[in-house]
PDB file of all heavy atoms in Angstrom:
ATOM      1  N   ALA A   1       0.823  -1.216   0.017  1.00  0.00           N
ATOM      2  CA  ALA A   1      -0.015   0.012  -0.005  1.00  0.00           C
ATOM      3  C   ALA A   1       0.868   1.271   0.004  1.00  0.00           C
ATOM      4  O   ALA A   1       2.036   1.237   0.340  1.00  0.00           O
ATOM      5  CB  ALA A   1      -0.916   0.002   1.229  1.00  0.00           C
ATOM      6  N   GLU A   2       0.236   2.371  -0.398  1.00  0.00           N
ATOM      7  CA  GLU A   2       0.885   3.668  -0.432  1.00  0.00           C
ATOM      8  C   GLU A   2       2.052   3.716  -1.373  1.00  0.00           C
ATOM      9  O   GLU A   2       3.091   4.341  -1.109  1.00  0.00           O
ATOM     10  CB  GLU A   2       1.294   4.130   0.966  1.00  0.00           C
ATOM     11  CG  GLU A   2       0.111   4.252   1.938  1.00  0.00           C
ATOM     12  CD  GLU A   2       0.519   4.740   3.327  1.00  0.00           C
ATOM     13  OE1 GLU A   2       1.639   5.304   3.452  1.00  0.00           O
ATOM     14  OE2 GLU A   2      -0.299   4.583   4.246  1.00  0.00           O
ATOM     15  N   ARG A   3       1.944   3.002  -2.522  1.00  0.00           N
ATOM     16  CA  ARG A   3       2.939   3.053  -3.583  1.00  0.00           C
ATOM     17  C   ARG A   3       4.290   2.550  -3.115  1.00  0.00           C
ATOM     18  O   ARG A   3       5.336   2.997  -3.594  1.00  0.00           O
ATOM     19  CB  ARG A   3       3.043   4.464  -4.161  1.00  0.00           C
ATOM     20  CG  ARG A   3       3.711   4.582  -5.520  1.00  0.00           C
ATOM     21  CD  ARG A   3       3.926   6.038  -5.879  1.00  0.00           C
ATOM     22  NE  ARG A   3       5.000   6.204  -6.846  1.00  0.00           N
ATOM     23  CZ  ARG A   3       5.720   7.306  -6.970  1.00  0.00           C
ATOM     24  NH1 ARG A   3       5.484   8.350  -6.184  1.00  0.00           N
ATOM     25  NH2 ARG A   3       6.676   7.394  -7.863  1.00  0.00           N
ATOM     26  N   ARG A   4       4.313   1.620  -2.202  1.00  0.00           N
ATOM     27  CA  ARG A   4       5.602   1.121  -1.684  1.00  0.00           C
ATOM     28  C   ARG A   4       6.171   0.054  -2.602  1.00  0.00           C
ATOM     29  O   ARG A   4       5.497  -0.926  -2.950  1.00  0.00           O
ATOM     30  CB  ARG A   4       5.419   0.505  -0.288  1.00  0.00           C
ATOM     31  CG  ARG A   4       5.089   1.505   0.811  1.00  0.00           C
ATOM     32  CD  ARG A   4       5.031   0.759   2.149  1.00  0.00           C
ATOM     33  NE  ARG A   4       4.791   1.635   3.267  1.00  0.00           N
ATOM     34  CZ  ARG A   4       3.562   1.854   3.809  1.00  0.00           C
ATOM     35  NH1 ARG A   4       2.518   1.203   3.331  1.00  0.00           N
ATOM     36  NH2 ARG A   4       3.414   2.668   4.844  1.00  0.00           N
ATOM     37  N   GLY A   5       7.397   0.224  -2.989  1.00  0.00           N
ATOM     38  CA  GLY A   5       8.183  -0.820  -3.584  1.00  0.00           C
ATOM     39  C   GLY A   5       8.939  -1.612  -2.545  1.00  0.00           C
ATOM     40  O   GLY A   5       8.803  -1.353  -1.330  1.00  0.00           O
ATOM     41  N   ILE A   6       9.788  -2.521  -2.940  1.00  0.00           N
ATOM     42  CA  ILE A   6      10.483  -3.340  -1.962  1.00  0.00           C
ATOM     43  C   ILE A   6      11.410  -2.506  -1.078  1.00  0.00           C
ATOM     44  O   ILE A   6      11.604  -2.860   0.090  1.00  0.00           O
ATOM     45  CB  ILE A   6      11.288  -4.466  -2.701  1.00  0.00           C
ATOM     46  CG1 ILE A   6      11.620  -5.629  -1.716  1.00  0.00           C
ATOM     47  CG2 ILE A   6      12.536  -3.914  -3.336  1.00  0.00           C
ATOM     48  CD1 ILE A   6      10.429  -6.412  -1.271  1.00  0.00           C
ATOM     49  N   ILE A   7      11.970  -1.439  -1.603  1.00  0.00           N
ATOM     50  CA  ILE A   7      12.864  -0.599  -0.814  1.00  0.00           C
ATOM     51  C   ILE A   7      12.086   0.105   0.295  1.00  0.00           C
ATOM     52  O   ILE A   7      12.551   0.119   1.476  1.00  0.00           O
ATOM     53  CB  ILE A   7      13.606   0.418  -1.702  1.00  0.00           C
ATOM     54  CG1 ILE A   7      14.547  -0.361  -2.650  1.00  0.00           C
ATOM     55  CG2 ILE A   7      14.381   1.404  -0.853  1.00  0.00           C
ATOM     56  CD1 ILE A   7      15.211   0.530  -3.677  1.00  0.00           C
ATOM     57  N   ASP A   8      10.935   0.619  -0.008  1.00  0.00           N
ATOM     58  CA  ASP A   8      10.092   1.254   1.034  1.00  0.00           C
ATOM     59  C   ASP A   8       9.690   0.252   2.094  1.00  0.00           C
ATOM     60  O   ASP A   8       9.646   0.546   3.286  1.00  0.00           O
ATOM     61  CB  ASP A   8       8.858   1.890   0.385  1.00  0.00           C
ATOM     62  CG  ASP A   8       9.215   2.806  -0.756  1.00  0.00           C
ATOM     63  OD1 ASP A   8       9.706   3.903  -0.525  1.00  0.00           O
ATOM     64  OD2 ASP A   8       8.993   2.375  -1.916  1.00  0.00           O
ATOM     65  N   VAL A   9       9.303  -0.963   1.658  1.00  0.00           N
ATOM     66  CA  VAL A   9       8.940  -2.019   2.586  1.00  0.00           C
ATOM     67  C   VAL A   9      10.115  -2.361   3.479  1.00  0.00           C
ATOM     68  O   VAL A   9      10.007  -2.588   4.704  1.00  0.00           O
ATOM     69  CB  VAL A   9       8.411  -3.246   1.841  1.00  0.00           C
ATOM     70  CG1 VAL A   9       8.145  -4.393   2.824  1.00  0.00           C
ATOM     71  CG2 VAL A   9       7.132  -2.903   1.104  1.00  0.00           C
ATOM     72  N   GLY A  10      11.326  -2.453   2.881  1.00  0.00           N
ATOM     73  CA  GLY A  10      12.543  -2.763   3.642  1.00  0.00           C
ATOM     74  C   GLY A  10      12.792  -1.792   4.761  1.00  0.00           C
ATOM     75  O   GLY A  10      13.142  -2.172   5.889  1.00  0.00           O
ATOM     76  N   GLY A  11      12.668  -0.498   4.501  1.00  0.00           N
ATOM     77  CA  GLY A  11      12.879   0.496   5.524  1.00  0.00           C
ATOM     78  C   GLY A  11      11.875   0.392   6.660  1.00  0.00           C
ATOM     79  O   GLY A  11      12.237   0.513   7.850  1.00  0.00           O
ATOM     80  N   LEU A  12      10.645   0.088   6.329  1.00  0.00           N
ATOM     81  CA  LEU A  12       9.593  -0.067   7.344  1.00  0.00           C
ATOM     82  C   LEU A  12       9.848  -1.284   8.208  1.00  0.00           C
ATOM     83  O   LEU A  12       9.738  -1.255   9.436  1.00  0.00           O
ATOM     84  CB  LEU A  12       8.249  -0.161   6.675  1.00  0.00           C
ATOM     85  CG  LEU A  12       7.039  -0.263   7.599  1.00  0.00           C
ATOM     86  CD1 LEU A  12       6.871   0.991   8.426  1.00  0.00           C
ATOM     87  CD2 LEU A  12       5.752  -0.528   6.792  1.00  0.00           C
ATOM     88  N   VAL A  13      10.185  -2.416   7.567  1.00  0.00           N
ATOM     89  CA  VAL A  13      10.449  -3.646   8.300  1.00  0.00           C
ATOM     90  C   VAL A  13      11.642  -3.490   9.258  1.00  0.00           C
ATOM     91  O   VAL A  13      11.615  -3.892  10.409  1.00  0.00           O
ATOM     92  CB  VAL A  13      10.693  -4.819   7.330  1.00  0.00           C
ATOM     93  CG1 VAL A  13      11.271  -6.033   8.050  1.00  0.00           C
ATOM     94  CG2 VAL A  13       9.409  -5.184   6.622  1.00  0.00           C
ATOM     95  N   ALA A  14      12.700  -2.863   8.748  1.00  0.00           N
ATOM     96  CA  ALA A  14      13.893  -2.651   9.587  1.00  0.00           C
ATOM     97  C   ALA A  14      13.585  -1.816  10.805  1.00  0.00           C
ATOM     98  O   ALA A  14      14.020  -2.118  11.927  1.00  0.00           O
ATOM     99  CB  ALA A  14      15.008  -1.984   8.765  1.00  0.00           C
ATOM    100  N   GLU A  15      12.776  -0.784  10.603  1.00  0.00           N
ATOM    101  CA  GLU A  15      12.450   0.122  11.720  1.00  0.00           C
ATOM    102  C   GLU A  15      11.525  -0.549  12.700  1.00  0.00           C
ATOM    103  O   GLU A  15      11.779  -0.520  13.921  1.00  0.00           O
ATOM    104  CB  GLU A  15      11.783   1.398  11.175  1.00  0.00           C
ATOM    105  CG  GLU A  15      11.343   2.369  12.279  1.00  0.00           C
ATOM    106  CD  GLU A  15      10.665   3.587  11.705  1.00  0.00           C
ATOM    107  OE1 GLU A  15      10.456   3.690  10.476  1.00  0.00           O
ATOM    108  OE2 GLU A  15      10.335   4.492  12.513  1.00  0.00           O
ATOM    109  N   ARG A  16      10.463  -1.175  12.220  1.00  0.00           N
ATOM    110  CA  ARG A  16       9.454  -1.737  13.138  1.00  0.00           C
ATOM    111  C   ARG A  16       9.976  -2.977  13.866  1.00  0.00           C
ATOM    112  O   ARG A  16       9.646  -3.184  15.062  1.00  0.00           O
ATOM    113  CB  ARG A  16       8.204  -2.090  12.339  1.00  0.00           C
ATOM    114  CG  ARG A  16       7.533  -0.882  11.723  1.00  0.00           C
ATOM    115  CD  ARG A  16       6.893   0.031  12.753  1.00  0.00           C
ATOM    116  NE  ARG A  16       6.307   1.224  12.126  1.00  0.00           N
ATOM    117  CZ  ARG A  16       5.109   1.267  11.588  1.00  0.00           C
ATOM    118  NH1 ARG A  16       4.363   0.163  11.582  1.00  0.00           N
ATOM    119  NH2 ARG A  16       4.661   2.390  11.050  1.00  0.00           N
ATOM    120  N   LEU A  17      10.786  -3.788  13.204  1.00  0.00           N
ATOM    121  CA  LEU A  17      11.300  -5.011  13.839  1.00  0.00           C
ATOM    122  C   LEU A  17      12.681  -4.791  14.486  1.00  0.00           C
ATOM    123  O   LEU A  17      13.200  -5.693  15.098  1.00  0.00           O
ATOM    124  CB  LEU A  17      11.371  -6.154  12.814  1.00  0.00           C
ATOM    125  CG  LEU A  17      10.057  -6.552  12.160  1.00  0.00           C
ATOM    126  CD1 LEU A  17      10.258  -7.828  11.337  1.00  0.00           C
ATOM    127  CD2 LEU A  17       8.957  -6.748  13.145  1.00  0.00           C
ATOM    128  N   GLU A  18      13.239  -3.580  14.294  1.00  0.00           N
ATOM    129  CA  GLU A  18      14.533  -3.244  14.859  1.00  0.00           C
ATOM    130  C   GLU A  18      15.587  -4.284  14.518  1.00  0.00           C
ATOM    131  O   GLU A  18      16.268  -4.828  15.381  1.00  0.00           O
ATOM    132  CB  GLU A  18      14.410  -3.073  16.369  1.00  0.00           C
ATOM    133  CG  GLU A  18      13.469  -1.975  16.795  1.00  0.00           C
ATOM    134  CD  GLU A  18      13.397  -1.802  18.315  1.00  0.00           C
ATOM    135  OE1 GLU A  18      13.840  -2.731  19.038  1.00  0.00           O
ATOM    136  OE2 GLU A  18      12.925  -0.748  18.754  1.00  0.00           O
ATOM    137  N   CYS A  19      15.715  -4.536  13.224  1.00  0.00           N
ATOM    138  CA  CYS A  19      16.674  -5.516  12.748  1.00  0.00           C
ATOM    139  C   CYS A  19      17.431  -5.003  11.542  1.00  0.00           C
ATOM    140  O   CYS A  19      17.094  -3.977  10.972  1.00  0.00           O
ATOM    141  CB  CYS A  19      15.971  -6.838  12.416  1.00  0.00           C
ATOM    142  SG  CYS A  19      14.808  -6.742  11.052  1.00  0.00           S
ATOM    143  N   ASP A  20      18.485  -5.698  11.169  1.00  0.00           N
ATOM    144  CA  ASP A  20      19.279  -5.357   9.988  1.00  0.00           C
ATOM    145  C   ASP A  20      18.607  -5.923   8.738  1.00  0.00           C
ATOM    146  O   ASP A  20      18.202  -7.124   8.733  1.00  0.00           O
ATOM    147  CB  ASP A  20      20.696  -5.911  10.097  1.00  0.00           C
ATOM    148  CG  ASP A  20      21.464  -5.307  11.267  1.00  0.00           C
ATOM    149  OD1 ASP A  20      20.985  -4.322  11.842  1.00  0.00           O
ATOM    150  OD2 ASP A  20      22.524  -5.855  11.604  1.00  0.00           O
ATOM    151  N   VAL A  21      18.476  -5.092   7.719  1.00  0.00           N
ATOM    152  CA  VAL A  21      17.774  -5.516   6.517  1.00  0.00           C
ATOM    153  C   VAL A  21      18.529  -5.060   5.273  1.00  0.00           C
ATOM    154  O   VAL A  21      19.047  -3.938   5.230  1.00  0.00           O
ATOM    155  CB  VAL A  21      16.338  -4.939   6.469  1.00  0.00           C
ATOM    156  CG1 VAL A  21      15.636  -5.270   5.137  1.00  0.00           C
ATOM    157  CG2 VAL A  21      15.509  -5.480   7.617  1.00  0.00           C
ATOM    158  N   LEU A  22      18.604  -5.908   4.266  1.00  0.00           N
ATOM    159  CA  LEU A  22      19.122  -5.546   2.984  1.00  0.00           C
ATOM    160  C   LEU A  22      18.029  -5.715   1.936  1.00  0.00           C
ATOM    161  O   LEU A  22      17.437  -6.777   1.832  1.00  0.00           O
ATOM    162  CB  LEU A  22      20.295  -6.421   2.613  1.00  0.00           C
ATOM    163  CG  LEU A  22      20.848  -6.293   1.153  1.00  0.00           C
ATOM    164  CD1 LEU A  22      21.464  -4.898   0.953  1.00  0.00           C
ATOM    165  CD2 LEU A  22      21.885  -7.390   0.855  1.00  0.00           C
ATOM    166  N   ALA A  23      17.752  -4.646   1.194  1.00  0.00           N
ATOM    167  CA  ALA A  23      16.775  -4.714   0.090  1.00  0.00           C
ATOM    168  C   ALA A  23      17.546  -4.897  -1.220  1.00  0.00           C
ATOM    169  O   ALA A  23      18.565  -4.218  -1.459  1.00  0.00           O
ATOM    170  CB  ALA A  23      15.925  -3.444   0.025  1.00  0.00           C
ATOM    171  N   VAL A  24      17.060  -5.808  -2.047  1.00  0.00           N
ATOM    172  CA  VAL A  24      17.648  -6.113  -3.348  1.00  0.00           C
ATOM    173  C   VAL A  24      16.600  -5.942  -4.425  1.00  0.00           C
ATOM    174  O   VAL A  24      15.472  -6.481  -4.268  1.00  0.00           O
ATOM    175  CB  VAL A  24      18.178  -7.551  -3.356  1.00  0.00           C
ATOM    176  CG1 VAL A  24      18.656  -7.945  -4.742  1.00  0.00           C
ATOM    177  CG2 VAL A  24      19.275  -7.756  -2.345  1.00  0.00           C
ATOM    178  N   GLN A  25      16.921  -5.260  -5.484  1.00  0.00           N
ATOM    179  CA  GLN A  25      15.959  -5.096  -6.587  1.00  0.00           C
ATOM    180  C   GLN A  25      16.693  -5.130  -7.923  1.00  0.00           C
ATOM    181  O   GLN A  25      17.690  -4.435  -8.109  1.00  0.00           O
ATOM    182  CB  GLN A  25      15.200  -3.794  -6.451  1.00  0.00           C
ATOM    183  CG  GLN A  25      14.228  -3.507  -7.591  1.00  0.00           C
ATOM    184  CD  GLN A  25      13.471  -2.202  -7.420  1.00  0.00           C
ATOM    185  OE1 GLN A  25      12.537  -2.103  -6.622  1.00  0.00           O
ATOM    186  NE2 GLN A  25      13.895  -1.189  -8.133  1.00  0.00           N
ATOM    187  N   VAL A  26      16.223  -5.944  -8.843  1.00  0.00           N
ATOM    188  CA  VAL A  26      16.738  -6.013 -10.187  1.00  0.00           C
ATOM    189  C   VAL A  26      15.615  -5.635 -11.146  1.00  0.00           C
ATOM    190  O   VAL A  26      14.520  -6.220 -11.070  1.00  0.00           O
ATOM    191  CB  VAL A  26      17.274  -7.404 -10.512  1.00  0.00           C
ATOM    192  CG1 VAL A  26      17.634  -7.528 -12.002  1.00  0.00           C
ATOM    193  CG2 VAL A  26      18.517  -7.706  -9.665  1.00  0.00           C
ATOM    194  N   ARG A  27      15.864  -4.669 -12.025  1.00  0.00           N
ATOM    195  CA  ARG A  27      14.883  -4.244 -12.989  1.00  0.00           C
ATOM    196  C   ARG A  27      15.334  -4.652 -14.407  1.00  0.00           C
ATOM    197  O   ARG A  27      16.345  -4.155 -14.898  1.00  0.00           O
ATOM    198  CB  ARG A  27      14.668  -2.714 -12.929  1.00  0.00           C
ATOM    199  CG  ARG A  27      13.545  -2.212 -13.849  1.00  0.00           C
ATOM    200  CD  ARG A  27      13.481  -0.681 -13.836  1.00  0.00           C
ATOM    201  NE  ARG A  27      13.292  -0.156 -12.486  1.00  0.00           N
ATOM    202  CZ  ARG A  27      12.125  -0.093 -11.861  1.00  0.00           C
ATOM    203  NH1 ARG A  27      11.030  -0.575 -12.461  1.00  0.00           N
ATOM    204  NH2 ARG A  27      12.039   0.392 -10.649  1.00  0.00           N
ATOM    205  N   ARG A  28      14.605  -5.585 -14.997  1.00  0.00           N
ATOM    206  CA  ARG A  28      14.817  -6.037 -16.376  1.00  0.00           C
ATOM    207  C   ARG A  28      16.280  -6.425 -16.613  1.00  0.00           C
ATOM    208  O   ARG A  28      16.806  -6.303 -17.717  1.00  0.00           O
ATOM    209  CB  ARG A  28      14.370  -4.971 -17.358  1.00  0.00           C
ATOM    210  CG  ARG A  28      12.885  -4.659 -17.287  1.00  0.00           C
ATOM    211  CD  ARG A  28      12.443  -3.659 -18.361  1.00  0.00           C
ATOM    212  NE  ARG A  28      12.656  -4.204 -19.710  1.00  0.00           N
ATOM    213  CZ  ARG A  28      11.807  -5.032 -20.285  1.00  0.00           C
ATOM    214  NH1 ARG A  28      10.681  -5.425 -19.683  1.00  0.00           N
ATOM    215  NH2 ARG A  28      12.050  -5.485 -21.494  1.00  0.00           N
ATOM    216  N   ASP A  29      16.924  -6.896 -15.552  1.00  0.00           N
ATOM    217  CA  ASP A  29      18.337  -7.347 -15.606  1.00  0.00           C
ATOM    218  C   ASP A  29      19.284  -6.243 -16.076  1.00  0.00           C
ATOM    219  O   ASP A  29      20.432  -6.529 -16.420  1.00  0.00           O
ATOM    220  CB  ASP A  29      18.491  -8.562 -16.476  1.00  0.00           C
ATOM    221  CG  ASP A  29      18.834  -9.790 -15.635  1.00  0.00           C
ATOM    222  OD1 ASP A  29      19.473  -9.602 -14.588  1.00  0.00           O
ATOM    223  OD2 ASP A  29      18.444 -10.906 -16.015  1.00  0.00           O
ATOM    224  N   ARG A  30      18.837  -4.987 -16.033  1.00  0.00           N
ATOM    225  CA  ARG A  30      19.690  -3.880 -16.420  1.00  0.00           C
ATOM    226  C   ARG A  30      20.067  -3.009 -15.242  1.00  0.00           C
ATOM    227  O   ARG A  30      21.103  -2.332 -15.253  1.00  0.00           O
ATOM    228  CB  ARG A  30      18.978  -3.007 -17.479  1.00  0.00           C
ATOM    229  CG  ARG A  30      19.868  -1.867 -17.939  1.00  0.00           C
ATOM    230  CD  ARG A  30      19.161  -0.941 -18.899  1.00  0.00           C
ATOM    231  NE  ARG A  30      19.957   0.303 -19.026  1.00  0.00           N
ATOM    232  CZ  ARG A  30      19.529   1.340 -19.707  1.00  0.00           C
ATOM    233  NH1 ARG A  30      18.365   1.327 -20.325  1.00  0.00           N
ATOM    234  NH2 ARG A  30      20.295   2.418 -19.791  1.00  0.00           N
ATOM    235  N   GLN A  31      19.251  -2.985 -14.198  1.00  0.00           N
ATOM    236  CA  GLN A  31      19.504  -2.122 -13.062  1.00  0.00           C
ATOM    237  C   GLN A  31      19.455  -2.944 -11.775  1.00  0.00           C
ATOM    238  O   GLN A  31      18.502  -3.662 -11.503  1.00  0.00           O
ATOM    239  CB  GLN A  31      18.423  -1.025 -13.018  1.00  0.00           C
ATOM    240  CG  GLN A  31      18.580  -0.056 -11.836  1.00  0.00           C
ATOM    241  CD  GLN A  31      17.322   0.796 -11.649  1.00  0.00           C
ATOM    242  OE1 GLN A  31      16.210   0.307 -11.805  1.00  0.00           O
ATOM    243  NE2 GLN A  31      17.540   2.052 -11.320  1.00  0.00           N
ATOM    244  N   LEU A  32      20.500  -2.791 -10.955  1.00  0.00           N
ATOM    245  CA  LEU A  32      20.554  -3.449  -9.642  1.00  0.00           C
ATOM    246  C   LEU A  32      20.560  -2.369  -8.562  1.00  0.00           C
ATOM    247  O   LEU A  32      21.344  -1.429  -8.614  1.00  0.00           O
ATOM    248  CB  LEU A  32      21.821  -4.290  -9.541  1.00  0.00           C
ATOM    249  CG  LEU A  32      22.171  -4.809  -8.120  1.00  0.00           C
ATOM    250  CD1 LEU A  32      21.097  -5.775  -7.616  1.00  0.00           C
ATOM    251  CD2 LEU A  32      23.538  -5.477  -8.110  1.00  0.00           C
ATOM    252  N   ALA A  33      19.668  -2.536  -7.608  1.00  0.00           N
ATOM    253  CA  ALA A  33      19.611  -1.642  -6.426  1.00  0.00           C
ATOM    254  C   ALA A  33      19.820  -2.402  -5.169  1.00  0.00           C
ATOM    255  O   ALA A  33      19.288  -3.500  -5.034  1.00  0.00           O
ATOM    256  CB  ALA A  33      18.269  -0.904  -6.403  1.00  0.00           C
ATOM    257  N   LEU A  34      20.621  -1.836  -4.288  1.00  0.00           N
ATOM    258  CA  LEU A  34      20.873  -2.401  -2.938  1.00  0.00           C
ATOM    259  C   LEU A  34      20.715  -1.294  -1.930  1.00  0.00           C
ATOM    260  O   LEU A  34      21.302  -0.203  -2.099  1.00  0.00           O
ATOM    261  CB  LEU A  34      22.297  -2.980  -2.860  1.00  0.00           C
ATOM    262  CG  LEU A  34      22.693  -4.044  -3.873  1.00  0.00           C
ATOM    263  CD1 LEU A  34      24.191  -4.323  -3.806  1.00  0.00           C
ATOM    264  CD2 LEU A  34      21.936  -5.355  -3.614  1.00  0.00           C
ATOM    265  N   VAL A  35      19.933  -1.543  -0.872  1.00  0.00           N
ATOM    266  CA  VAL A  35      19.783  -0.550   0.186  1.00  0.00           C
ATOM    267  C   VAL A  35      19.825  -1.336   1.524  1.00  0.00           C
ATOM    268  O   VAL A  35      19.257  -2.397   1.671  1.00  0.00           O
ATOM    269  CB  VAL A  35      18.421   0.174   0.084  1.00  0.00           C
ATOM    270  CG1 VAL A  35      18.345   1.302   1.147  1.00  0.00           C
ATOM    271  CG2 VAL A  35      18.237   0.773  -1.317  1.00  0.00           C
ATOM    272  N   GLY A  36      20.537  -0.746   2.501  1.00  0.00           N
ATOM    273  CA  GLY A  36      20.721  -1.400   3.787  1.00  0.00           C
ATOM    274  C   GLY A  36      20.293  -0.542   4.950  1.00  0.00           C
ATOM    275  O   GLY A  36      20.403   0.683   4.889  1.00  0.00           O
ATOM    276  N   TRP A  37      19.815  -1.188   5.977  1.00  0.00           N
ATOM    277  CA  TRP A  37      19.383  -0.507   7.206  1.00  0.00           C
ATOM    278  C   TRP A  37      19.893  -1.276   8.438  1.00  0.00           C
ATOM    279  O   TRP A  37      19.964  -2.511   8.434  1.00  0.00           O
ATOM    280  CB  TRP A  37      17.863  -0.452   7.328  1.00  0.00           C
ATOM    281  CG  TRP A  37      17.162   0.313   6.263  1.00  0.00           C
ATOM    282  CD1 TRP A  37      16.762   1.609   6.267  1.00  0.00           C
ATOM    283  CD2 TRP A  37      16.724  -0.217   5.015  1.00  0.00           C
ATOM    284  NE1 TRP A  37      16.110   1.949   5.104  1.00  0.00           N
ATOM    285  CE2 TRP A  37      16.046   0.852   4.317  1.00  0.00           C
ATOM    286  CE3 TRP A  37      16.775  -1.465   4.414  1.00  0.00           C
ATOM    287  CZ2 TRP A  37      15.480   0.661   3.060  1.00  0.00           C
ATOM    288  CZ3 TRP A  37      16.251  -1.634   3.161  1.00  0.00           C
ATOM    289  CH2 TRP A  37      15.603  -0.575   2.493  1.00  0.00           C
ATOM    290  N   ARG A  38      20.166  -0.514   9.481  1.00  0.00           N
ATOM    291  CA  ARG A  38      20.351  -1.078  10.808  1.00  0.00           C
ATOM    292  C   ARG A  38      19.227  -0.476  11.673  1.00  0.00           C
ATOM    293  O   ARG A  38      19.326   0.677  12.087  1.00  0.00           O
ATOM    294  CB  ARG A  38      21.706  -0.703  11.381  1.00  0.00           C
ATOM    295  CG  ARG A  38      22.876  -1.426  10.723  1.00  0.00           C
ATOM    296  CD  ARG A  38      24.171  -1.215  11.481  1.00  0.00           C
ATOM    297  NE  ARG A  38      25.309  -1.860  10.842  1.00  0.00           N
ATOM    298  CZ  ARG A  38      25.608  -3.155  10.960  1.00  0.00           C
ATOM    299  NH1 ARG A  38      24.854  -3.917  11.683  1.00  0.00           N
ATOM    300  NH2 ARG A  38      26.643  -3.652  10.344  1.00  0.00           N
ATOM    301  N   GLY A  39      18.170  -1.237  11.834  1.00  0.00           N
ATOM    302  CA  GLY A  39      17.020  -0.684  12.507  1.00  0.00           C
ATOM    303  C   GLY A  39      16.467   0.487  11.697  1.00  0.00           C
ATOM    304  O   GLY A  39      16.311   0.391  10.486  1.00  0.00           O
ATOM    305  N   ALA A  40      16.215   1.621  12.354  1.00  0.00           N
ATOM    306  CA  ALA A  40      15.627   2.779  11.665  1.00  0.00           C
ATOM    307  C   ALA A  40      16.637   3.543  10.868  1.00  0.00           C
ATOM    308  O   ALA A  40      16.249   4.434  10.082  1.00  0.00           O
ATOM    309  CB  ALA A  40      14.989   3.685  12.714  1.00  0.00           C
ATOM    310  N   GLU A  41      17.907   3.220  10.986  1.00  0.00           N
ATOM    311  CA  GLU A  41      18.935   3.988  10.303  1.00  0.00           C
ATOM    312  C   GLU A  41      19.291   3.350   8.945  1.00  0.00           C
ATOM    313  O   GLU A  41      19.723   2.204   8.871  1.00  0.00           O
ATOM    314  CB  GLU A  41      20.220   4.048  11.153  1.00  0.00           C
ATOM    315  CG  GLU A  41      21.356   4.779  10.475  1.00  0.00           C
ATOM    316  CD  GLU A  41      22.678   4.660  11.226  1.00  0.00           C
ATOM    317  OE1 GLU A  41      22.690   3.935  12.221  1.00  0.00           O
ATOM    318  OE2 GLU A  41      23.666   5.268  10.790  1.00  0.00           O
ATOM    319  N   GLU A  42      19.104   4.132   7.880  1.00  0.00           N
ATOM    320  CA  GLU A  42      19.558   3.684   6.557  1.00  0.00           C
ATOM    321  C   GLU A  42      21.079   3.915   6.506  1.00  0.00           C
ATOM    322  O   GLU A  42      21.533   5.054   6.699  1.00  0.00           O
ATOM    323  CB  GLU A  42      18.838   4.435   5.464  1.00  0.00           C
ATOM    324  CG  GLU A  42      19.283   4.005   4.078  1.00  0.00           C
ATOM    325  CD  GLU A  42      18.601   4.734   2.930  1.00  0.00           C
ATOM    326  OE1 GLU A  42      17.342   4.874   3.008  1.00  0.00           O
ATOM    327  OE2 GLU A  42      19.296   5.170   2.005  1.00  0.00           O
ATOM    328  N   ILE A  43      21.825   2.893   6.109  1.00  0.00           N
ATOM    329  CA  ILE A  43      23.277   3.030   6.100  1.00  0.00           C
ATOM    330  C   ILE A  43      23.823   3.262   4.718  1.00  0.00           C
ATOM    331  O   ILE A  43      25.020   3.560   4.585  1.00  0.00           O
ATOM    332  CB  ILE A  43      23.945   1.797   6.745  1.00  0.00           C
ATOM    333  CG1 ILE A  43      23.620   0.533   5.966  1.00  0.00           C
ATOM    334  CG2 ILE A  43      23.520   1.661   8.199  1.00  0.00           C
ATOM    335  CD1 ILE A  43      24.426  -0.661   6.425  1.00  0.00           C
ATOM    336  N   GLY A  44      23.029   3.138   3.688  1.00  0.00           N
ATOM    337  CA  GLY A  44      23.526   3.407   2.335  1.00  0.00           C
ATOM    338  C   GLY A  44      22.638   2.764   1.286  1.00  0.00           C
ATOM    339  O   GLY A  44      21.852   1.877   1.562  1.00  0.00           O
ATOM    340  N   ARG A  45      22.810   3.289   0.054  1.00  0.00           N
ATOM    341  CA  ARG A  45      22.085   2.691  -1.076  1.00  0.00           C
ATOM    342  C   ARG A  45      22.921   2.766  -2.344  1.00  0.00           C
ATOM    343  O   ARG A  45      23.775   3.677  -2.498  1.00  0.00           O
ATOM    344  CB  ARG A  45      20.722   3.331  -1.268  1.00  0.00           C
ATOM    345  CG  ARG A  45      20.680   4.789  -1.525  1.00  0.00           C
ATOM    346  CD  ARG A  45      19.230   5.258  -1.798  1.00  0.00           C
ATOM    347  NE  ARG A  45      18.339   4.965  -0.665  1.00  0.00           N
ATOM    348  CZ  ARG A  45      17.002   4.844  -0.767  1.00  0.00           C
ATOM    349  NH1 ARG A  45      16.410   5.004  -1.965  1.00  0.00           N
ATOM    350  NH2 ARG A  45      16.288   4.595   0.294  1.00  0.00           N
TER     351      ARG A  45
END
């Protein structure tokens, strides 16, 4: 809901569950995205 892609879901899960999360997304095998969180803190993308 609310136009969330996997990255938006990853940030929410990391914050609410207070855990480390890595989001991975591949678009048409041309674009790779990686985003990481430690709890509510995003550490990089």
